[in-house]
Amino acid sequence: MPLRIVFCGTPAFALPTLSHLIAQPDFQIDAVITQPDRPRGRGHEVSSSPVKDAALEAGIAVYQPEKIKSESAHNFFKRVSPDAVVIIAYGQIISQTLLDIPRLGWVNLHGSLLPKYRGAAPINWAIVNGETKTGVTTMQVSAGLDTGTMLLKHETGIGPDETAPQLAARLAEAGAPLVAETLRTLDRGEITPEPQDNSQSTLAPLLKKEDGRIDWSQPAQAIYNRIRGLQPWPGAFTTFRGKNCHVWGKPAANATALALPGEITATVATPPKPMQSNRLLVTCGADTALEIEFVRLEGRKRVTAPEFSSGAHLTSSDRFV
């Protein structure tokens, strides 16, 4: 008999696992639970979640409770009575009464090597904090915030130029077979849950817009980590002539910063070369500099650094703050 599963998830990060479980003959997805359709994007048009779209395409019943703690949701789980619930980035806290229903419990795929980076944005904060390795962990869901016992782990390095969306895609793919293996070993009684060492835990809180603000007194590498880690939202931004300004760039090679943090220096190649060969450097802390590649001023489209330099008519007094 296949293992009967209810799958809870919302964003694209959950899709590889859902697709993988659907394709396995020893699993049966009885239902998919996802967040209600909500306004999304700049046009705020009401749209469904990626998980809902995938479930409907596969012919799986979809349930979208406004609150999963509701009596109707409890009745739904009691009626379906799955062997296990797989939950990935669903977006709501699960009550103990629901956790007790499936015989194998609720299995979560978390985007970090627990107990590090508990919380809503583990992939983003791992990059922002300059980590060089991370991974995914399957765990049994408990009433706390990512505090459940750990089941299996997959470790991987973080590329020096890897962005949060790129890393998330890799971890999502790595997590799919890990979840399947976790379910099988749980069902056979061949896995021993491992309690987390709370003294080693770190937090990865939900991202806020202000998390993207650049502190130019930090070294260029730390700023680059923020640029990589906070894509696509909130992005890394600063202020230029009183307006918010998103920037993309890398630590400058062979550049010694002599100005104050945030000061902008436009250098022209010698002998003269096409405009794209010009360099736009911003002084950072610890005698480093960030070489700007792209800029998007508030209300404008993203342009290259040379285009920004030319259009802004930079002066020696200009700086990012």
C-alpha atoms as a PDB file:
ATOM      1  CA  MET A   1       0.000   0.000   0.000  1.00  0.00           C
ATOM      2  CA  PRO A   2       1.381   3.449  -0.858  1.00  0.00           C
ATOM      3  CA  LEU A   3       2.022   5.917   1.914  1.00  0.00           C
ATOM      4  CA  ARG A   4      -0.889   8.380   2.023  1.00  0.00           C
ATOM      5  CA  ILE A   5       0.276  11.983   2.211  1.00  0.00           C
ATOM      6  CA  VAL A   6      -1.200  15.460   2.528  1.00  0.00           C
ATOM      7  CA  PHE A   7       1.163  18.083   1.106  1.00  0.00           C
ATOM      8  CA  CYS A   8       1.232  21.626   2.522  1.00  0.00           C
ATOM      9  CA  GLY A   9       3.169  24.335   0.709  1.00  0.00           C
ATOM     10  CA  THR A  10       2.880  27.623  -1.117  1.00  0.00           C
ATOM     11  CA  PRO A  11       5.915  29.004  -3.032  1.00  0.00           C
ATOM     12  CA  ALA A  12       8.076  27.619  -5.820  1.00  0.00           C
ATOM     13  CA  PHE A  13      10.579  26.276  -3.266  1.00  0.00           C
ATOM     14  CA  ALA A  14       8.085  23.486  -2.483  1.00  0.00           C
ATOM     15  CA  LEU A  15       7.511  22.438  -6.111  1.00  0.00           C
ATOM     16  CA  PRO A  16      10.429  20.004  -6.630  1.00  0.00           C
ATOM     17  CA  THR A  17       9.378  17.954  -3.612  1.00  0.00           C
ATOM     18  CA  LEU A  18       5.721  17.904  -4.648  1.00  0.00           C
ATOM     19  CA  SER A  19       6.642  16.797  -8.179  1.00  0.00           C
ATOM     20  CA  HIS A  20       9.053  14.159  -6.864  1.00  0.00           C
ATOM     21  CA  LEU A  21       6.509  12.660  -4.468  1.00  0.00           C
ATOM     22  CA  ILE A  22       3.826  12.569  -7.165  1.00  0.00           C
ATOM     23  CA  ALA A  23       6.191  10.575  -9.401  1.00  0.00           C
ATOM     24  CA  GLN A  24       6.971   7.913  -6.773  1.00  0.00           C
ATOM     25  CA  PRO A  25       4.733   4.822  -6.841  1.00  0.00           C
ATOM     26  CA  ASP A  26       5.047   4.243  -3.082  1.00  0.00           C
ATOM     27  CA  PHE A  27       3.452   7.623  -2.249  1.00  0.00           C
ATOM     28  CA  GLN A  28      -0.116   8.778  -2.750  1.00  0.00           C
ATOM     29  CA  ILE A  29      -0.868  12.514  -2.475  1.00  0.00           C
ATOM     30  CA  ASP A  30      -4.452  12.641  -1.207  1.00  0.00           C
ATOM     31  CA  ALA A  31      -4.660  16.432  -1.052  1.00  0.00           C
ATOM     32  CA  VAL A  32      -2.624  19.606  -1.320  1.00  0.00           C
ATOM     33  CA  ILE A  33      -3.099  22.486   1.105  1.00  0.00           C
ATOM     34  CA  THR A  34      -1.883  25.934   0.156  1.00  0.00           C
ATOM     35  CA  GLN A  35      -2.547  29.566   1.029  1.00  0.00           C
ATOM     36  CA  PRO A  36      -5.674  31.246  -0.376  1.00  0.00           C
ATOM     37  CA  ASP A  37      -5.375  33.078  -3.673  1.00  0.00           C
ATOM     38  CA  ARG A  38      -4.062  36.580  -2.966  1.00  0.00           C
ATOM     39  CA  PRO A  39      -3.129  39.792  -4.817  1.00  0.00           C
ATOM     40  CA  ARG A  40       0.444  39.500  -6.092  1.00  0.00           C
ATOM     41  CA  GLY A  41       2.913  41.497  -8.142  1.00  0.00           C
ATOM     42  CA  ARG A  42       2.865  45.160  -9.095  1.00  0.00           C
ATOM     43  CA  GLY A  43      -0.627  44.949 -10.533  1.00  0.00           C
ATOM     44  CA  HIS A  44      -1.954  43.319  -7.339  1.00  0.00           C
ATOM     45  CA  GLU A  45      -3.978  40.874  -9.415  1.00  0.00           C
ATOM     46  CA  VAL A  46      -5.394  37.953  -7.462  1.00  0.00           C
ATOM     47  CA  SER A  47      -3.494  34.814  -8.395  1.00  0.00           C
ATOM     48  CA  SER A  48      -2.940  31.300  -7.106  1.00  0.00           C
ATOM     49  CA  SER A  49       0.221  29.928  -5.539  1.00  0.00           C
ATOM     50  CA  PRO A  50       2.747  27.891  -7.544  1.00  0.00           C
ATOM     51  CA  VAL A  51       1.873  24.837  -5.446  1.00  0.00           C
ATOM     52  CA  LYS A  52      -1.842  25.157  -6.221  1.00  0.00           C
ATOM     53  CA  ASP A  53      -1.155  25.420  -9.950  1.00  0.00           C
ATOM     54  CA  ALA A  54       1.025  22.293  -9.879  1.00  0.00           C
ATOM     55  CA  ALA A  55      -1.520  20.331  -7.855  1.00  0.00           C
ATOM     56  CA  LEU A  56      -4.412  21.172 -10.161  1.00  0.00           C
ATOM     57  CA  GLU A  57      -2.317  20.247 -13.184  1.00  0.00           C
ATOM     58  CA  ALA A  58      -1.657  16.859 -11.575  1.00  0.00           C
ATOM     59  CA  GLY A  59      -5.345  16.358 -10.787  1.00  0.00           C
ATOM     60  CA  ILE A  60      -4.906  16.558  -7.003  1.00  0.00           C
ATOM     61  CA  ALA A  61      -7.592  18.059  -4.771  1.00  0.00           C
ATOM     62  CA  VAL A  62      -6.634  21.466  -3.331  1.00  0.00           C
ATOM     63  CA  TYR A  63      -7.775  22.881   0.015  1.00  0.00           C
ATOM     64  CA  GLN A  64      -7.118  26.557   0.865  1.00  0.00           C
ATOM     65  CA  PRO A  65      -8.212  27.394   4.415  1.00  0.00           C
ATOM     66  CA  GLU A  66      -7.865  31.002   5.466  1.00  0.00           C
ATOM     67  CA  LYS A  67      -6.668  29.728   8.841  1.00  0.00           C
ATOM     68  CA  ILE A  68      -5.343  26.201   9.249  1.00  0.00           C
ATOM     69  CA  LYS A  69      -6.146  26.385  12.972  1.00  0.00           C
ATOM     70  CA  SER A  70      -9.867  26.555  12.165  1.00  0.00           C
ATOM     71  CA  GLU A  71     -12.378  23.847  13.081  1.00  0.00           C
ATOM     72  CA  SER A  72     -13.078  23.153   9.415  1.00  0.00           C
ATOM     73  CA  ALA A  73      -9.375  22.529   8.775  1.00  0.00           C
ATOM     74  CA  HIS A  74      -9.223  20.177  11.755  1.00  0.00           C
ATOM     75  CA  ASN A  75     -12.225  18.283  10.416  1.00  0.00           C
ATOM     76  CA  PHE A  76     -10.543  18.068   7.011  1.00  0.00           C
ATOM     77  CA  PHE A  77      -7.423  16.405   8.451  1.00  0.00           C
ATOM     78  CA  LYS A  78      -9.485  14.027  10.590  1.00  0.00           C
ATOM     79  CA  ARG A  79     -11.513  13.027   7.548  1.00  0.00           C
ATOM     80  CA  VAL A  80      -8.507  12.475   5.257  1.00  0.00           C
ATOM     81  CA  SER A  81      -6.435  10.883   8.056  1.00  0.00           C
ATOM     82  CA  PRO A  82      -3.108  10.754   6.172  1.00  0.00           C
ATOM     83  CA  ASP A  83      -0.129   8.647   7.174  1.00  0.00           C
ATOM     84  CA  ALA A  84       2.064  11.750   7.047  1.00  0.00           C
ATOM     85  CA  VAL A  85       1.896  15.446   6.223  1.00  0.00           C
ATOM     86  CA  VAL A  86       4.745  17.051   4.296  1.00  0.00           C
ATOM     87  CA  ILE A  87       4.968  20.793   4.869  1.00  0.00           C
ATOM     88  CA  ILE A  88       7.326  23.161   3.039  1.00  0.00           C
ATOM     89  CA  ALA A  89       7.148  26.960   3.334  1.00  0.00           C
ATOM     90  CA  TYR A  90       3.399  26.817   3.879  1.00  0.00           C
ATOM     91  CA  GLY A  91       3.146  30.096   5.761  1.00  0.00           C
ATOM     92  CA  GLN A  92       1.080  29.329   8.866  1.00  0.00           C
ATOM     93  CA  ILE A  93       1.793  27.915  12.320  1.00  0.00           C
ATOM     94  CA  ILE A  94       0.410  24.410  12.920  1.00  0.00           C
ATOM     95  CA  SER A  95      -1.456  23.621  16.140  1.00  0.00           C
ATOM     96  CA  GLN A  96      -0.637  20.606  18.273  1.00  0.00           C
ATOM     97  CA  THR A  97      -4.064  19.099  17.631  1.00  0.00           C
ATOM     98  CA  LEU A  98      -3.236  18.917  13.919  1.00  0.00           C
ATOM     99  CA  LEU A  99       0.311  17.684  14.545  1.00  0.00           C
ATOM    100  CA  ASP A 100      -1.099  14.689  16.423  1.00  0.00           C
ATOM    101  CA  ILE A 101      -3.328  13.417  13.585  1.00  0.00           C
ATOM    102  CA  PRO A 102      -0.960  11.633  11.120  1.00  0.00           C
ATOM    103  CA  ARG A 103       0.714   8.512  12.499  1.00  0.00           C
ATOM    104  CA  LEU A 104       4.131   9.560  11.139  1.00  0.00           C
ATOM    105  CA  GLY A 105       3.679  13.206  12.082  1.00  0.00           C
ATOM    106  CA  TRP A 106       4.403  16.288  10.004  1.00  0.00           C
ATOM    107  CA  VAL A 107       7.687  16.332   8.064  1.00  0.00           C
ATOM    108  CA  ASN A 108       9.158  19.719   7.186  1.00  0.00           C
ATOM    109  CA  LEU A 109      11.926  20.559   4.728  1.00  0.00           C
ATOM    110  CA  HIS A 110      13.877  23.541   6.061  1.00  0.00           C
ATOM    111  CA  GLY A 111      16.411  25.504   4.005  1.00  0.00           C
ATOM    112  CA  SER A 112      19.335  25.390   6.431  1.00  0.00           C
ATOM    113  CA  LEU A 113      21.475  23.033   8.474  1.00  0.00           C
ATOM    114  CA  LEU A 114      19.489  23.220  11.673  1.00  0.00           C
ATOM    115  CA  PRO A 115      19.723  24.457  14.345  1.00  0.00           C
ATOM    116  CA  LYS A 116      21.338  27.345  12.457  1.00  0.00           C
ATOM    117  CA  TYR A 117      19.004  29.789  10.720  1.00  0.00           C
ATOM    118  CA  ARG A 118      15.641  28.966  12.183  1.00  0.00           C
ATOM    119  CA  GLY A 119      12.920  31.155  10.753  1.00  0.00           C
ATOM    120  CA  ALA A 120      11.339  32.430   7.569  1.00  0.00           C
ATOM    121  CA  ALA A 121      14.391  33.426   5.509  1.00  0.00           C
ATOM    122  CA  PRO A 122      17.261  30.972   6.173  1.00  0.00           C
ATOM    123  CA  ILE A 123      18.690  31.059   2.642  1.00  0.00           C
ATOM    124  CA  ASN A 124      18.796  34.840   2.511  1.00  0.00           C
ATOM    125  CA  TRP A 125      20.451  35.310   5.888  1.00  0.00           C
ATOM    126  CA  ALA A 126      23.016  32.575   5.302  1.00  0.00           C
ATOM    127  CA  ILE A 127      24.293  34.493   2.262  1.00  0.00           C
ATOM    128  CA  VAL A 128      24.052  37.906   3.941  1.00  0.00           C
ATOM    129  CA  ASN A 129      26.110  36.607   6.863  1.00  0.00           C
ATOM    130  CA  GLY A 130      28.830  35.299   4.565  1.00  0.00           C
ATOM    131  CA  GLU A 131      28.321  31.582   5.172  1.00  0.00           C
ATOM    132  CA  THR A 132      30.232  29.301   2.798  1.00  0.00           C
ATOM    133  CA  LYS A 133      28.122  26.201   3.395  1.00  0.00           C
ATOM    134  CA  THR A 134      24.487  25.451   4.079  1.00  0.00           C
ATOM    135  CA  GLY A 135      21.993  22.729   3.268  1.00  0.00           C
ATOM    136  CA  VAL A 136      18.524  21.398   3.919  1.00  0.00           C
ATOM    137  CA  THR A 137      17.168  19.546   6.922  1.00  0.00           C
ATOM    138  CA  THR A 138      14.093  17.379   7.282  1.00  0.00           C
ATOM    139  CA  MET A 139      12.539  17.546  10.708  1.00  0.00           C
ATOM    140  CA  GLN A 140       9.432  16.608  12.605  1.00  0.00           C
ATOM    141  CA  VAL A 141       7.303  19.682  13.079  1.00  0.00           C
ATOM    142  CA  SER A 142       6.707  20.822  16.654  1.00  0.00           C
ATOM    143  CA  ALA A 143       4.762  23.716  18.112  1.00  0.00           C
ATOM    144  CA  GLY A 144       7.900  25.909  18.266  1.00  0.00           C
ATOM    145  CA  LEU A 145       9.638  27.862  15.502  1.00  0.00           C
ATOM    146  CA  ASP A 146      11.691  25.254  13.611  1.00  0.00           C
ATOM    147  CA  THR A 147      12.546  23.525  16.891  1.00  0.00           C
ATOM    148  CA  GLY A 148      11.423  19.998  16.011  1.00  0.00           C
ATOM    149  CA  THR A 149      13.685  16.962  16.072  1.00  0.00           C
ATOM    150  CA  MET A 150      15.961  16.605  13.033  1.00  0.00           C
ATOM    151  CA  LEU A 151      15.674  13.632  10.696  1.00  0.00           C
ATOM    152  CA  LEU A 152      18.023  13.847   7.676  1.00  0.00           C
ATOM    153  CA  LYS A 153      20.379  16.499   6.269  1.00  0.00           C
ATOM    154  CA  HIS A 154      21.988  17.379   2.950  1.00  0.00           C
ATOM    155  CA  GLU A 155      24.971  19.752   3.024  1.00  0.00           C
ATOM    156  CA  THR A 156      26.260  21.879   0.153  1.00  0.00           C
ATOM    157  CA  GLY A 157      28.621  24.787  -0.406  1.00  0.00           C
ATOM    158  CA  ILE A 158      27.515  28.326  -1.221  1.00  0.00           C
ATOM    159  CA  GLY A 159      29.135  29.697  -4.366  1.00  0.00           C
ATOM    160  CA  PRO A 160      31.081  32.959  -3.911  1.00  0.00           C
ATOM    161  CA  ASP A 161      28.787  34.724  -6.394  1.00  0.00           C
ATOM    162  CA  GLU A 162      25.598  32.712  -5.772  1.00  0.00           C
ATOM    163  CA  THR A 163      22.422  34.696  -5.173  1.00  0.00           C
ATOM    164  CA  ALA A 164      19.520  33.758  -2.929  1.00  0.00           C
ATOM    165  CA  PRO A 165      17.253  32.672  -5.829  1.00  0.00           C
ATOM    166  CA  GLN A 166      20.027  30.528  -7.297  1.00  0.00           C
ATOM    167  CA  LEU A 167      20.780  28.850  -3.974  1.00  0.00           C
ATOM    168  CA  ALA A 168      17.091  28.369  -3.217  1.00  0.00           C
ATOM    169  CA  ALA A 169      16.609  26.553  -6.523  1.00  0.00           C
ATOM    170  CA  ARG A 170      19.531  24.209  -5.773  1.00  0.00           C
ATOM    171  CA  LEU A 171      18.350  23.490  -2.239  1.00  0.00           C
ATOM    172  CA  ALA A 172      14.786  22.857  -3.389  1.00  0.00           C
ATOM    173  CA  GLU A 173      15.996  20.234  -5.861  1.00  0.00           C
ATOM    174  CA  ALA A 174      18.276  18.615  -3.266  1.00  0.00           C
ATOM    175  CA  GLY A 175      15.449  18.518  -0.761  1.00  0.00           C
ATOM    176  CA  ALA A 176      13.031  16.535  -2.921  1.00  0.00           C
ATOM    177  CA  PRO A 177      14.725  13.106  -2.670  1.00  0.00           C
ATOM    178  CA  LEU A 178      15.663  13.868   0.941  1.00  0.00           C
ATOM    179  CA  VAL A 179      11.984  14.204   1.878  1.00  0.00           C
ATOM    180  CA  ALA A 180      11.149  10.949   0.087  1.00  0.00           C
ATOM    181  CA  GLU A 181      13.954   9.115   1.876  1.00  0.00           C
ATOM    182  CA  THR A 182      12.819  10.588   5.196  1.00  0.00           C
ATOM    183  CA  LEU A 183       9.257   9.344   4.708  1.00  0.00           C
ATOM    184  CA  ARG A 184      10.388   5.854   3.754  1.00  0.00           C
ATOM    185  CA  THR A 185      12.777   5.463   6.678  1.00  0.00           C
ATOM    186  CA  LEU A 186      10.196   6.862   9.093  1.00  0.00           C
ATOM    187  CA  ASP A 187       7.640   4.366   7.848  1.00  0.00           C
ATOM    188  CA  ARG A 188      10.121   1.500   8.315  1.00  0.00           C
ATOM    189  CA  GLY A 189      11.113   2.726  11.758  1.00  0.00           C
ATOM    190  CA  GLU A 190      14.746   3.045  10.648  1.00  0.00           C
ATOM    191  CA  ILE A 191      15.383   6.662  11.603  1.00  0.00           C
ATOM    192  CA  THR A 192      16.179   8.106  15.011  1.00  0.00           C
ATOM    193  CA  PRO A 193      15.056  11.724  15.420  1.00  0.00           C
ATOM    194  CA  GLU A 194      17.836  13.959  16.753  1.00  0.00           C
ATOM    195  CA  PRO A 195      16.996  16.806  19.154  1.00  0.00           C
ATOM    196  CA  GLN A 196      18.354  20.208  18.188  1.00  0.00           C
ATOM    197  CA  ASP A 197      21.043  21.833  20.312  1.00  0.00           C
ATOM    198  CA  ASN A 198      19.302  25.084  21.197  1.00  0.00           C
ATOM    199  CA  SER A 199      22.587  26.643  22.314  1.00  0.00           C
ATOM    200  CA  GLN A 200      23.790  26.486  18.689  1.00  0.00           C
ATOM    201  CA  SER A 201      20.650  27.996  17.172  1.00  0.00           C
ATOM    202  CA  THR A 202      20.568  31.215  15.155  1.00  0.00           C
ATOM    203  CA  LEU A 203      17.584  33.093  13.765  1.00  0.00           C
ATOM    204  CA  ALA A 204      16.651  33.977  10.187  1.00  0.00           C
ATOM    205  CA  PRO A 205      13.708  36.350  10.617  1.00  0.00           C
ATOM    206  CA  LEU A 206      11.236  37.410   7.958  1.00  0.00           C
ATOM    207  CA  LEU A 207      12.796  39.967   5.631  1.00  0.00           C
ATOM    208  CA  LYS A 208      11.868  43.626   6.018  1.00  0.00           C
ATOM    209  CA  LYS A 209      12.423  46.372   3.471  1.00  0.00           C
ATOM    210  CA  GLU A 210      14.938  48.150   5.693  1.00  0.00           C
ATOM    211  CA  ASP A 211      17.133  45.019   5.786  1.00  0.00           C
ATOM    212  CA  GLY A 212      18.245  46.001   2.305  1.00  0.00           C
ATOM    213  CA  ARG A 213      19.749  49.341   3.297  1.00  0.00           C
ATOM    214  CA  ILE A 214      23.509  49.377   2.688  1.00  0.00           C
ATOM    215  CA  ASP A 215      25.909  50.487   5.397  1.00  0.00           C
ATOM    216  CA  TRP A 216      28.890  51.775   3.415  1.00  0.00           C
ATOM    217  CA  SER A 217      31.127  51.607   6.480  1.00  0.00           C
ATOM    218  CA  GLN A 218      31.075  47.808   6.107  1.00  0.00           C
ATOM    219  CA  PRO A 219      33.704  46.079   3.951  1.00  0.00           C
ATOM    220  CA  ALA A 220      32.864  45.631   0.285  1.00  0.00           C
ATOM    221  CA  GLN A 221      32.537  41.850   0.698  1.00  0.00           C
ATOM    222  CA  ALA A 222      29.872  42.253   3.387  1.00  0.00           C
ATOM    223  CA  ILE A 223      27.946  44.637   1.137  1.00  0.00           C
ATOM    224  CA  TYR A 224      28.272  42.200  -1.765  1.00  0.00           C
ATOM    225  CA  ASN A 225      26.889  39.447   0.462  1.00  0.00           C
ATOM    226  CA  ARG A 226      23.861  41.651   1.177  1.00  0.00           C
ATOM    227  CA  ILE A 227      23.368  42.339  -2.533  1.00  0.00           C
ATOM    228  CA  ARG A 228      23.432  38.576  -3.260  1.00  0.00           C
ATOM    229  CA  GLY A 229      21.373  37.518  -0.266  1.00  0.00           C
ATOM    230  CA  LEU A 230      18.515  39.982  -0.540  1.00  0.00           C
ATOM    231  CA  GLN A 231      17.564  39.265  -4.128  1.00  0.00           C
ATOM    232  CA  PRO A 232      14.885  39.596  -5.400  1.00  0.00           C
ATOM    233  CA  TRP A 233      13.374  41.472  -2.422  1.00  0.00           C
ATOM    234  CA  PRO A 234      14.035  43.827  -0.749  1.00  0.00           C
ATOM    235  CA  GLY A 235      17.256  44.163  -2.738  1.00  0.00           C
ATOM    236  CA  ALA A 236      20.258  46.175  -1.585  1.00  0.00           C
ATOM    237  CA  PHE A 237      19.650  49.905  -1.705  1.00  0.00           C
ATOM    238  CA  THR A 238      21.086  53.233  -0.676  1.00  0.00           C
ATOM    239  CA  THR A 239      20.174  56.903  -1.032  1.00  0.00           C
ATOM    240  CA  PHE A 240      21.381  59.111  -3.886  1.00  0.00           C
ATOM    241  CA  ARG A 241      20.473  62.793  -3.949  1.00  0.00           C
ATOM    242  CA  GLY A 242      17.626  62.149  -1.550  1.00  0.00           C
ATOM    243  CA  LYS A 243      16.087  59.222  -3.425  1.00  0.00           C
ATOM    244  CA  ASN A 244      16.276  55.487  -2.828  1.00  0.00           C
ATOM    245  CA  CYS A 245      18.618  53.773  -5.233  1.00  0.00           C
ATOM    246  CA  HIS A 246      19.098  50.020  -5.707  1.00  0.00           C
ATOM    247  CA  VAL A 247      22.593  48.929  -6.665  1.00  0.00           C
ATOM    248  CA  TRP A 248      24.292  45.772  -7.896  1.00  0.00           C
ATOM    249  CA  GLY A 249      28.035  45.272  -7.869  1.00  0.00           C
ATOM    250  CA  LYS A 250      31.059  43.328  -6.668  1.00  0.00           C
ATOM    251  CA  PRO A 251      34.125  44.020  -4.529  1.00  0.00           C
ATOM    252  CA  ALA A 252      36.543  45.955  -6.699  1.00  0.00           C
ATOM    253  CA  ALA A 253      39.761  44.197  -7.613  1.00  0.00           C
ATOM    254  CA  ASN A 254      42.997  46.159  -7.327  1.00  0.00           C
ATOM    255  CA  ALA A 255      41.222  49.184  -5.876  1.00  0.00           C
ATOM    256  CA  THR A 256      42.310  51.064  -2.774  1.00  0.00           C
ATOM    257  CA  ALA A 257      39.636  53.200  -1.193  1.00  0.00           C
ATOM    258  CA  LEU A 258      40.997  56.569  -0.057  1.00  0.00           C
ATOM    259  CA  ALA A 259      37.731  58.504   0.233  1.00  0.00           C
ATOM    260  CA  LEU A 260      35.032  58.392   2.897  1.00  0.00           C
ATOM    261  CA  PRO A 261      32.512  55.503   2.889  1.00  0.00           C
ATOM    262  CA  GLY A 262      29.816  56.038   0.290  1.00  0.00           C
ATOM    263  CA  GLU A 263      31.831  58.416  -1.901  1.00  0.00           C
ATOM    264  CA  ILE A 264      31.582  57.680  -5.619  1.00  0.00           C
ATOM    265  CA  THR A 265      34.538  57.686  -7.978  1.00  0.00           C
ATOM    266  CA  ALA A 266      34.141  57.350 -11.737  1.00  0.00           C
ATOM    267  CA  THR A 267      37.339  56.199 -13.399  1.00  0.00           C
ATOM    268  CA  VAL A 268      37.994  56.311 -17.119  1.00  0.00           C
ATOM    269  CA  ALA A 269      40.214  53.762 -18.765  1.00  0.00           C
ATOM    270  CA  THR A 270      43.540  54.994 -20.131  1.00  0.00           C
ATOM    271  CA  PRO A 271      43.898  55.026 -23.054  1.00  0.00           C
ATOM    272  CA  PRO A 272      40.187  55.858 -23.609  1.00  0.00           C
ATOM    273  CA  LYS A 273      37.941  52.895 -24.348  1.00  0.00           C
ATOM    274  CA  PRO A 274      34.188  52.503 -24.946  1.00  0.00           C
ATOM    275  CA  MET A 275      31.956  53.829 -22.162  1.00  0.00           C
ATOM    276  CA  GLN A 276      31.340  50.300 -20.878  1.00  0.00           C
ATOM    277  CA  SER A 277      35.009  50.101 -19.896  1.00  0.00           C
ATOM    278  CA  ASN A 278      34.614  52.917 -17.371  1.00  0.00           C
ATOM    279  CA  ARG A 279      34.472  51.908 -13.712  1.00  0.00           C
ATOM    280  CA  LEU A 280      32.183  53.295 -11.035  1.00  0.00           C
ATOM    281  CA  LEU A 281      33.648  52.686  -7.586  1.00  0.00           C
ATOM    282  CA  VAL A 282      32.114  53.335  -4.168  1.00  0.00           C
ATOM    283  CA  THR A 283      34.293  53.560  -1.093  1.00  0.00           C
ATOM    284  CA  CYS A 284      33.479  50.997   1.610  1.00  0.00           C
ATOM    285  CA  GLY A 285      34.875  50.222   5.031  1.00  0.00           C
ATOM    286  CA  ALA A 286      38.214  48.545   5.784  1.00  0.00           C
ATOM    287  CA  ASP A 287      39.907  50.306   2.840  1.00  0.00           C
ATOM    288  CA  THR A 288      37.823  48.472   0.254  1.00  0.00           C
ATOM    289  CA  ALA A 289      35.626  49.537  -2.639  1.00  0.00           C
ATOM    290  CA  LEU A 290      32.569  48.181  -4.424  1.00  0.00           C
ATOM    291  CA  GLU A 291      32.511  48.282  -8.212  1.00  0.00           C
ATOM    292  CA  ILE A 292      28.979  49.179  -9.271  1.00  0.00           C
ATOM    293  CA  GLU A 293      27.549  47.216 -12.204  1.00  0.00           C
ATOM    294  CA  PHE A 294      23.892  48.306 -12.308  1.00  0.00           C
ATOM    295  CA  VAL A 295      21.802  51.041 -10.698  1.00  0.00           C
ATOM    296  CA  ARG A 296      18.070  51.608 -10.436  1.00  0.00           C
ATOM    297  CA  LEU A 297      16.988  54.977  -9.159  1.00  0.00           C
ATOM    298  CA  GLU A 298      13.583  55.235  -7.509  1.00  0.00           C
ATOM    299  CA  GLY A 299      10.940  55.379 -10.234  1.00  0.00           C
ATOM    300  CA  ARG A 300      13.418  54.583 -13.013  1.00  0.00           C
ATOM    301  CA  LYS A 301      14.495  51.478 -14.902  1.00  0.00           C
ATOM    302  CA  ARG A 302      17.711  49.603 -14.144  1.00  0.00           C
ATOM    303  CA  VAL A 303      20.728  50.893 -16.082  1.00  0.00           C
ATOM    304  CA  THR A 304      24.409  50.027 -16.316  1.00  0.00           C
ATOM    305  CA  ALA A 305      26.907  51.872 -14.158  1.00  0.00           C
ATOM    306  CA  PRO A 306      28.296  53.883 -17.133  1.00  0.00           C
ATOM    307  CA  GLU A 307      24.741  54.856 -18.123  1.00  0.00           C
ATOM    308  CA  PHE A 308      24.025  55.980 -14.580  1.00  0.00           C
ATOM    309  CA  SER A 309      27.281  57.922 -14.374  1.00  0.00           C
ATOM    310  CA  SER A 310      26.602  59.693 -17.647  1.00  0.00           C
ATOM    311  CA  GLY A 311      22.952  60.450 -16.943  1.00  0.00           C
ATOM    312  CA  ALA A 312      23.511  61.666 -13.386  1.00  0.00           C
ATOM    313  CA  HIS A 313      26.424  63.976 -14.369  1.00  0.00           C
ATOM    314  CA  LEU A 314      28.313  62.909 -11.250  1.00  0.00           C
ATOM    315  CA  THR A 315      30.330  65.484  -9.357  1.00  0.00           C
ATOM    316  CA  SER A 316      33.076  65.102  -6.772  1.00  0.00           C
ATOM    317  CA  SER A 317      30.563  65.812  -3.988  1.00  0.00           C
ATOM    318  CA  ASP A 318      28.180  62.984  -4.895  1.00  0.00           C
ATOM    319  CA  ARG A 319      27.945  60.003  -2.581  1.00  0.00           C
ATOM    320  CA  PHE A 320      25.650  57.168  -1.550  1.00  0.00           C
ATOM    321  CA  VAL A 321      24.280  57.469   1.975  1.00  0.00           C
END
